[in-house]
Amino acid sequence: MSNLTSKKLSDLSYSVLDLVPVLKGGSAGDSIKNTVDLARHAEDWGYKRYWMAEHHNNPGIASSATPVLIGHVAAHTTSIRVGSGGVMLPNHSSLVVAEQFGTLETMFPERIDLGLGRAPGTDQLTARALRRDYNGDGQDFPEQLAELRAYFQPGKQAEQMSVRAIPGQGLQIPIWLLGSSGFSAQLAGLLGLPFSFASHFSPENTLPALGLYRNSFQSSDVLEKPYSMVCVNVIAADSDEEAKKLATTLQQYHLNIIRNTRGPLEPPVNNIDSICNGYEKAYLEQKLVRSIIGGPSTIKAQLERFLEETQAEEIMINSQIYDHKARLHSFEIIADILNDR
């Protein structure tokens, strides 16, 4: 494992994961406008990537048509990389994904990332409505991935294929594998691909998956050595007290998941204990154990500890904050810390 403990936060690349949350009392249109606004600010603040995730049949998330949103955000920014965190490959034909991202890369050269996951990004009933193979469960993900990568091959290799992705063929689109457990971590390592781990909702698997990725890594034409990005919940404000209140929105988001009552993002509350029982509170503590919440000094200290523990090459920030101005301010505080300003 490479030793990054001497590296400063200001040496890291840092990026944004946007779930395009629909707010209580708002609309999907409002959320997309907020996404464009955040992306523009993130670009100004030095964030490297702006990723959006594929979710379906969820009234609180407006990013179901992920490639469409990627094109929209890329068109309203100039330099930040825009991509998927991720596209759930088993939901789609590999050819369609290759054509979509080939088109995006053609429109926005050297700015598009293709992050891939193997989970459905939804419930099983919706997954059945999405997929061409009703029996698909993601176990053939390696084969689908190989098919997708073949569509991007250049030259004679691609020309010999009976079906080609146009646009797509010959384009150098970075492919990332995303995961919340060990499956994609090991696959990314064996293929020599960059790996992004979802610590923001699977904190207990973070270190084992990163270790598996690094231990299984084999150099490739893509990477000579492992490159890991870890996504973490970060909610920053001017004080610890203010941040903790903002974070009750994130807590309610996870409460709605375990209660199976998914809906729009809720405004913060004064006391999370007043709306959850002991079992639910314990669940929240487990799920959000690696979440970083506080004022600037607290955020900096916890990010430094997170870097030391994960040895990540890049950090991706997820911030489920109800108020858009407060969300912007959170990302600005984080950028100031990471830029050592």
Protein backbone atom coordinates (compact mmCIF):
# COMPACT_ATOMS: atom_id res chain seq x y z
CA MET A 1 0.00 0.00 0.00
CA SER A 2 1.36 3.42 -0.86
CA ASN A 3 2.07 5.72 2.05
CA LEU A 4 0.15 8.98 1.74
CA THR A 5 0.17 10.00 5.39
CA SER A 6 2.66 12.80 4.65
CA LYS A 7 0.47 14.21 1.88
CA LYS A 8 -1.53 17.28 2.79
CA LEU A 9 -5.21 17.78 2.05
CA SER A 10 -4.21 20.56 -0.32
CA ASP A 11 -2.36 17.96 -2.44
CA LEU A 12 -5.54 15.96 -3.07
CA SER A 13 -7.96 16.21 -5.94
CA TYR A 14 -11.50 16.73 -4.69
CA SER A 15 -14.82 16.27 -6.45
CA VAL A 16 -18.62 16.47 -6.07
CA LEU A 17 -21.31 13.81 -6.02
CA ASP A 18 -24.72 15.34 -6.63
CA LEU A 19 -27.82 13.19 -6.15
CA VAL A 20 -29.89 16.09 -7.54
CA PRO A 21 -32.19 16.00 -4.51
CA VAL A 22 -35.80 17.10 -4.89
CA LEU A 23 -36.64 19.29 -1.91
CA LYS A 24 -39.85 19.14 0.07
CA GLY A 25 -42.00 21.90 -1.39
CA GLY A 26 -39.87 22.06 -4.54
CA SER A 27 -39.83 20.42 -7.95
CA ALA A 28 -37.45 18.41 -10.11
CA GLY A 29 -36.99 21.53 -12.24
CA ASP A 30 -35.86 23.49 -9.19
CA SER A 31 -33.40 20.73 -8.33
CA ILE A 32 -31.85 20.73 -11.79
CA LYS A 33 -31.41 24.51 -11.64
CA ASN A 34 -29.69 24.07 -8.27
CA THR A 35 -27.45 21.40 -9.78
CA VAL A 36 -26.28 23.73 -12.56
CA ASP A 37 -25.66 26.49 -10.04
CA LEU A 38 -23.65 24.21 -7.75
CA ALA A 39 -21.64 22.86 -10.68
CA ARG A 40 -20.68 26.36 -11.78
CA HIS A 41 -19.57 27.25 -8.26
CA ALA A 42 -17.72 23.94 -7.87
CA GLU A 43 -15.80 24.69 -11.04
CA ASP A 44 -14.80 28.11 -9.70
CA TRP A 45 -13.75 26.59 -6.36
CA GLY A 46 -11.41 24.05 -7.94
CA TYR A 47 -13.39 20.83 -7.74
CA LYS A 48 -12.10 18.34 -10.32
CA ARG A 49 -15.24 16.32 -11.13
CA TYR A 50 -18.97 16.71 -10.90
CA TRP A 51 -20.72 13.34 -10.87
CA MET A 52 -24.40 12.45 -10.77
CA ALA A 53 -25.90 9.09 -9.87
CA GLU A 54 -28.55 6.94 -11.53
CA HIS A 55 -31.59 6.32 -9.32
CA HIS A 56 -35.11 5.37 -10.36
CA ASN A 57 -38.63 5.53 -8.91
CA ASN A 58 -37.48 7.80 -6.09
CA PRO A 59 -39.48 11.02 -5.61
CA GLY A 60 -36.53 12.58 -3.78
CA ILE A 61 -33.93 12.21 -6.57
CA ALA A 62 -34.08 13.84 -10.02
CA SER A 63 -31.06 12.16 -11.67
CA SER A 64 -32.73 9.14 -13.28
CA ALA A 65 -31.74 10.20 -16.83
CA THR A 66 -28.09 10.58 -15.83
CA PRO A 67 -26.50 11.05 -19.31
CA VAL A 68 -29.01 13.79 -20.11
CA LEU A 69 -28.07 15.68 -16.95
CA ILE A 70 -24.36 15.17 -17.63
CA GLY A 71 -24.79 16.89 -20.99
CA HIS A 72 -26.80 19.70 -19.39
CA VAL A 73 -24.20 20.37 -16.69
CA ALA A 74 -21.30 20.11 -19.14
CA ALA A 75 -23.02 22.65 -21.42
CA HIS A 76 -23.31 25.11 -18.53
CA THR A 77 -19.70 24.76 -17.36
CA THR A 78 -16.38 25.04 -19.16
CA SER A 79 -13.64 22.94 -17.56
CA ILE A 80 -14.83 20.70 -14.72
CA ARG A 81 -15.05 17.00 -15.60
CA VAL A 82 -18.65 15.78 -15.59
CA GLY A 83 -19.66 12.15 -15.22
CA SER A 84 -21.72 9.38 -13.74
CA GLY A 85 -21.41 8.16 -10.21
CA GLY A 86 -22.66 6.03 -11.66
CA VAL A 87 -24.50 4.47 -14.53
CA MET A 88 -25.93 1.15 -13.37
CA LEU A 89 -24.74 -1.00 -16.25
CA PRO A 90 -27.08 -4.00 -15.72
CA ASN A 91 -30.02 -1.65 -16.36
CA HIS A 92 -28.86 -0.92 -19.90
CA SER A 93 -27.53 -2.28 -23.14
CA SER A 94 -23.76 -1.83 -23.27
CA LEU A 95 -24.12 -0.47 -26.79
CA VAL A 96 -26.54 2.24 -25.69
CA VAL A 97 -24.20 3.33 -22.88
CA ALA A 98 -21.27 3.42 -25.32
CA GLU A 99 -23.26 5.54 -27.78
CA GLN A 100 -24.52 7.91 -25.08
CA PHE A 101 -21.11 8.53 -23.57
CA GLY A 102 -19.45 8.54 -26.97
CA THR A 103 -21.81 11.34 -27.91
CA LEU A 104 -21.10 13.22 -24.68
CA GLU A 105 -17.33 12.88 -25.17
CA THR A 106 -17.69 14.08 -28.76
CA MET A 107 -19.60 17.14 -27.59
CA PHE A 108 -17.37 17.85 -24.58
CA PRO A 109 -13.91 16.45 -25.36
CA GLU A 110 -11.74 15.30 -22.43
CA ARG A 111 -14.39 16.30 -19.88
CA ILE A 112 -16.53 13.16 -19.54
CA ASP A 113 -16.14 10.36 -16.96
CA LEU A 114 -18.01 7.05 -17.11
CA GLY A 115 -18.46 5.60 -13.64
CA LEU A 116 -20.17 2.20 -13.63
CA GLY A 117 -22.05 0.29 -10.94
CA ARG A 118 -23.71 -3.11 -10.91
CA ALA A 119 -26.56 -2.44 -8.46
CA PRO A 120 -30.00 -1.52 -9.84
CA GLY A 121 -30.16 1.88 -8.19
CA THR A 122 -33.75 1.17 -7.27
CA ASP A 123 -36.15 -1.49 -5.97
CA GLN A 124 -36.48 -4.87 -7.63
CA LEU A 125 -39.87 -4.13 -9.22
CA THR A 126 -38.48 -1.01 -10.92
CA ALA A 127 -35.36 -2.93 -11.93
CA ARG A 128 -37.57 -5.43 -13.74
CA ALA A 129 -39.24 -2.55 -15.59
CA LEU A 130 -35.84 -1.18 -16.63
CA ARG A 131 -33.98 -4.28 -17.77
CA ARG A 132 -34.13 -6.20 -21.01
CA ASP A 133 -33.38 -9.41 -19.06
CA TYR A 134 -35.84 -9.78 -16.19
CA ASN A 135 -33.59 -12.41 -14.63
CA GLY A 136 -30.52 -10.15 -14.59
CA ASP A 137 -29.00 -9.71 -11.15
CA GLY A 138 -25.67 -8.05 -11.97
CA GLN A 139 -23.67 -11.26 -11.86
CA ASP A 140 -22.76 -10.87 -15.53
CA PHE A 141 -21.38 -7.39 -14.87
CA PRO A 142 -17.80 -8.38 -15.87
CA GLU A 143 -19.06 -9.62 -19.25
CA GLN A 144 -21.14 -6.47 -19.78
CA LEU A 145 -18.13 -4.34 -18.86
CA ALA A 146 -15.92 -6.18 -21.35
CA GLU A 147 -18.56 -5.65 -24.05
CA LEU A 148 -18.80 -1.95 -23.24
CA ARG A 149 -15.03 -1.45 -23.29
CA ALA A 150 -14.84 -3.24 -26.64
CA TYR A 151 -17.11 -0.63 -28.19
CA PHE A 152 -14.52 2.05 -27.36
CA GLN A 153 -11.65 0.18 -29.01
CA PRO A 154 -9.78 2.05 -31.74
CA GLY A 155 -8.65 1.05 -35.20
CA LYS A 156 -8.87 -2.39 -36.75
CA GLN A 157 -10.11 -4.07 -33.57
CA ALA A 158 -13.26 -1.95 -33.62
CA GLU A 159 -13.68 -2.16 -37.39
CA GLN A 160 -13.78 -5.96 -37.17
CA MET A 161 -16.79 -5.80 -34.85
CA SER A 162 -20.10 -6.42 -36.56
CA VAL A 163 -21.76 -3.82 -34.30
CA ARG A 164 -19.98 -0.55 -33.55
CA ALA A 165 -20.73 2.41 -31.30
CA ILE A 166 -20.81 5.59 -33.35
CA PRO A 167 -19.98 7.99 -31.74
CA GLY A 168 -17.91 6.01 -29.25
CA GLN A 169 -15.47 3.94 -31.24
CA GLY A 170 -11.87 4.92 -30.54
CA LEU A 171 -12.68 7.50 -27.86
CA GLN A 172 -10.62 7.63 -24.69
CA ILE A 173 -13.35 7.92 -22.05
CA PRO A 174 -12.13 7.18 -18.51
CA ILE A 175 -14.03 4.22 -17.07
CA TRP A 176 -14.31 3.92 -13.30
CA LEU A 177 -15.74 1.03 -11.33
CA LEU A 178 -17.92 2.01 -8.41
CA GLY A 179 -18.64 -0.13 -5.40
CA SER A 180 -19.95 -0.42 -1.85
CA SER A 181 -18.44 -3.87 -1.20
CA GLY A 182 -15.61 -6.04 -2.47
CA PHE A 183 -16.92 -7.25 -5.85
CA SER A 184 -16.15 -4.19 -7.96
CA ALA A 185 -13.09 -3.39 -5.84
CA GLN A 186 -11.45 -6.66 -6.82
CA LEU A 187 -12.59 -6.42 -10.44
CA ALA A 188 -11.21 -2.88 -10.74
CA GLY A 189 -7.91 -4.07 -9.32
CA LEU A 190 -7.62 -7.04 -11.66
CA LEU A 191 -8.43 -4.87 -14.69
CA GLY A 192 -6.17 -2.02 -13.62
CA LEU A 193 -9.00 0.53 -13.55
CA PRO A 194 -9.62 3.42 -11.16
CA PHE A 195 -11.99 2.59 -8.30
CA SER A 196 -14.49 4.78 -6.45
CA PHE A 197 -15.91 3.59 -3.14
CA ALA A 198 -19.27 4.66 -1.70
CA SER A 199 -18.24 5.35 1.88
CA HIS A 200 -21.11 7.81 2.13
CA PHE A 201 -23.57 4.94 2.54
CA SER A 202 -21.36 1.89 3.17
CA PRO A 203 -18.82 3.11 5.73
CA GLU A 204 -18.28 -0.31 7.31
CA ASN A 205 -16.91 -1.73 4.05
CA THR A 206 -14.62 1.17 3.19
CA LEU A 207 -11.26 -0.05 4.42
CA PRO A 208 -11.74 -3.75 3.46
CA ALA A 209 -12.76 -2.80 -0.09
CA LEU A 210 -9.89 -0.37 -0.55
CA GLY A 211 -7.45 -2.99 0.73
CA LEU A 212 -8.87 -5.57 -1.65
CA TYR A 213 -8.55 -3.13 -4.56
CA ARG A 214 -4.91 -2.34 -3.83
CA ASN A 215 -3.93 -5.92 -3.10
CA SER A 216 -5.50 -7.24 -6.30
CA PHE A 217 -4.30 -4.38 -8.53
CA GLN A 218 -2.52 -5.26 -11.76
CA SER A 219 -0.99 -2.50 -13.87
CA SER A 220 -2.69 -1.86 -17.21
CA ASP A 221 -2.69 0.47 -20.19
CA VAL A 222 -4.99 2.65 -18.08
CA LEU A 223 -3.07 2.81 -14.78
CA GLU A 224 0.38 1.84 -13.59
CA LYS A 225 -0.64 1.94 -9.94
CA PRO A 226 -3.93 1.98 -8.00
CA TYR A 227 -6.05 5.11 -8.01
CA SER A 228 -8.88 5.26 -5.50
CA MET A 229 -11.50 7.89 -4.91
CA VAL A 230 -13.65 7.70 -1.79
CA CYS A 231 -17.03 9.40 -1.53
CA VAL A 232 -17.92 10.71 1.92
CA ASN A 233 -20.73 12.77 3.41
CA VAL A 234 -19.43 16.19 4.40
CA ILE A 235 -21.64 18.90 5.87
CA ALA A 236 -19.81 22.10 6.72
CA ALA A 237 -21.06 25.32 8.25
CA ASP A 238 -19.63 28.25 10.17
CA SER A 239 -20.01 26.37 13.47
CA ASP A 240 -20.30 22.78 14.68
CA GLU A 241 -23.74 23.51 16.08
CA GLU A 242 -25.07 24.87 12.78
CA ALA A 243 -23.61 21.94 10.83
CA LYS A 244 -25.17 19.40 13.16
CA LYS A 245 -28.57 20.95 12.58
CA LEU A 246 -28.07 20.95 8.80
CA ALA A 247 -27.09 17.29 9.08
CA THR A 248 -30.52 16.33 10.41
CA THR A 249 -31.64 16.49 6.76
CA LEU A 250 -29.11 13.75 5.93
CA GLN A 251 -30.28 11.77 8.95
CA GLN A 252 -33.91 12.04 7.84
CA TYR A 253 -32.88 10.90 4.36
CA HIS A 254 -31.52 7.67 5.84
CA LEU A 255 -34.50 7.30 8.16
CA ASN A 256 -36.78 7.35 5.14
CA ILE A 257 -34.69 4.59 3.53
CA ILE A 258 -35.06 2.19 6.47
CA ARG A 259 -38.73 3.10 6.86
CA ASN A 260 -39.28 2.59 3.11
CA THR A 261 -40.88 6.03 2.96
CA ARG A 262 -38.66 7.66 0.36
CA GLY A 263 -39.71 11.16 -0.52
CA PRO A 264 -38.40 14.68 -1.07
CA LEU A 265 -35.47 15.93 1.01
CA GLU A 266 -36.71 17.20 4.36
CA PRO A 267 -35.75 20.50 6.03
CA PRO A 268 -33.60 20.23 9.16
CA VAL A 269 -35.12 19.72 12.61
CA ASN A 270 -33.94 20.93 16.00
CA ASN A 271 -33.58 17.47 17.52
CA ILE A 272 -33.34 14.24 15.52
CA ASP A 273 -34.10 12.22 18.67
CA SER A 274 -37.64 13.61 18.64
CA ILE A 275 -38.48 11.83 15.37
CA CYS A 276 -36.72 8.48 15.69
CA ASN A 277 -36.60 5.58 18.14
CA GLY A 278 -33.59 3.92 19.72
CA TYR A 279 -33.17 1.31 17.01
CA GLU A 280 -33.31 3.95 14.28
CA LYS A 281 -30.82 6.17 16.12
CA ALA A 282 -28.38 3.25 16.36
CA TYR A 283 -28.82 2.59 12.64
CA LEU A 284 -28.08 6.22 11.83
CA GLU A 285 -24.94 6.16 13.94
CA GLN A 286 -23.74 3.05 12.11
CA LYS A 287 -24.57 4.34 8.62
CA LEU A 288 -23.14 7.81 9.18
CA VAL A 289 -20.12 6.85 11.27
CA ARG A 290 -17.68 8.23 8.68
CA SER A 291 -19.73 11.32 7.87
CA ILE A 292 -17.85 14.56 8.48
CA ILE A 293 -19.95 17.28 10.08
CA GLY A 294 -18.90 20.55 11.67
CA GLY A 295 -17.35 23.97 11.42
CA PRO A 296 -14.14 24.62 9.46
CA SER A 297 -11.66 23.43 12.11
CA THR A 298 -13.66 20.27 12.80
CA ILE A 299 -14.02 19.54 9.07
CA LYS A 300 -10.29 19.96 8.49
CA ALA A 301 -9.32 17.64 11.35
CA GLN A 302 -11.81 14.97 10.31
CA LEU A 303 -10.81 15.15 6.64
CA GLU A 304 -7.16 14.70 7.66
CA ARG A 305 -8.10 11.66 9.70
CA PHE A 306 -10.21 10.30 6.84
CA LEU A 307 -7.27 10.67 4.45
CA GLU A 308 -4.92 8.94 6.87
CA GLU A 309 -7.34 6.02 7.28
CA THR A 310 -8.29 5.54 3.64
CA GLN A 311 -5.07 6.56 1.87
CA ALA A 312 -7.30 7.86 -0.93
CA GLU A 313 -5.89 9.59 -3.98
CA GLU A 314 -9.08 11.64 -4.35
CA ILE A 315 -12.06 12.55 -2.18
CA MET A 316 -15.59 12.99 -3.51
CA ILE A 317 -18.00 15.03 -1.42
CA ASN A 318 -21.70 14.28 -0.99
CA SER A 319 -23.70 16.94 0.88
CA GLN A 320 -27.39 16.35 1.44
CA ILE A 321 -28.35 19.82 2.66
CA TYR A 322 -31.87 21.20 2.31
CA ASP A 323 -31.17 24.90 1.85
CA HIS A 324 -29.38 25.59 -1.43
CA LYS A 325 -27.41 28.57 -0.10
CA ALA A 326 -26.27 26.54 2.90
CA ARG A 327 -25.25 23.73 0.55
CA LEU A 328 -23.20 26.12 -1.58
CA HIS A 329 -21.57 27.52 1.56
CA SER A 330 -20.70 24.00 2.71
CA PHE A 331 -18.89 23.21 -0.54
CA GLU A 332 -17.10 26.58 -0.40
CA ILE A 333 -15.86 25.91 3.14
CA ILE A 334 -14.60 22.48 2.07
CA ALA A 335 -12.84 23.96 -0.96
CA ASP A 336 -11.14 26.60 1.21
CA ILE A 337 -9.85 23.85 3.50
CA LEU A 338 -8.64 21.62 0.67
CA ASN A 339 -7.06 24.56 -1.12
CA ASP A 340 -5.43 25.56 2.18
CA ARG A 341 -6.73 29.09 1.84
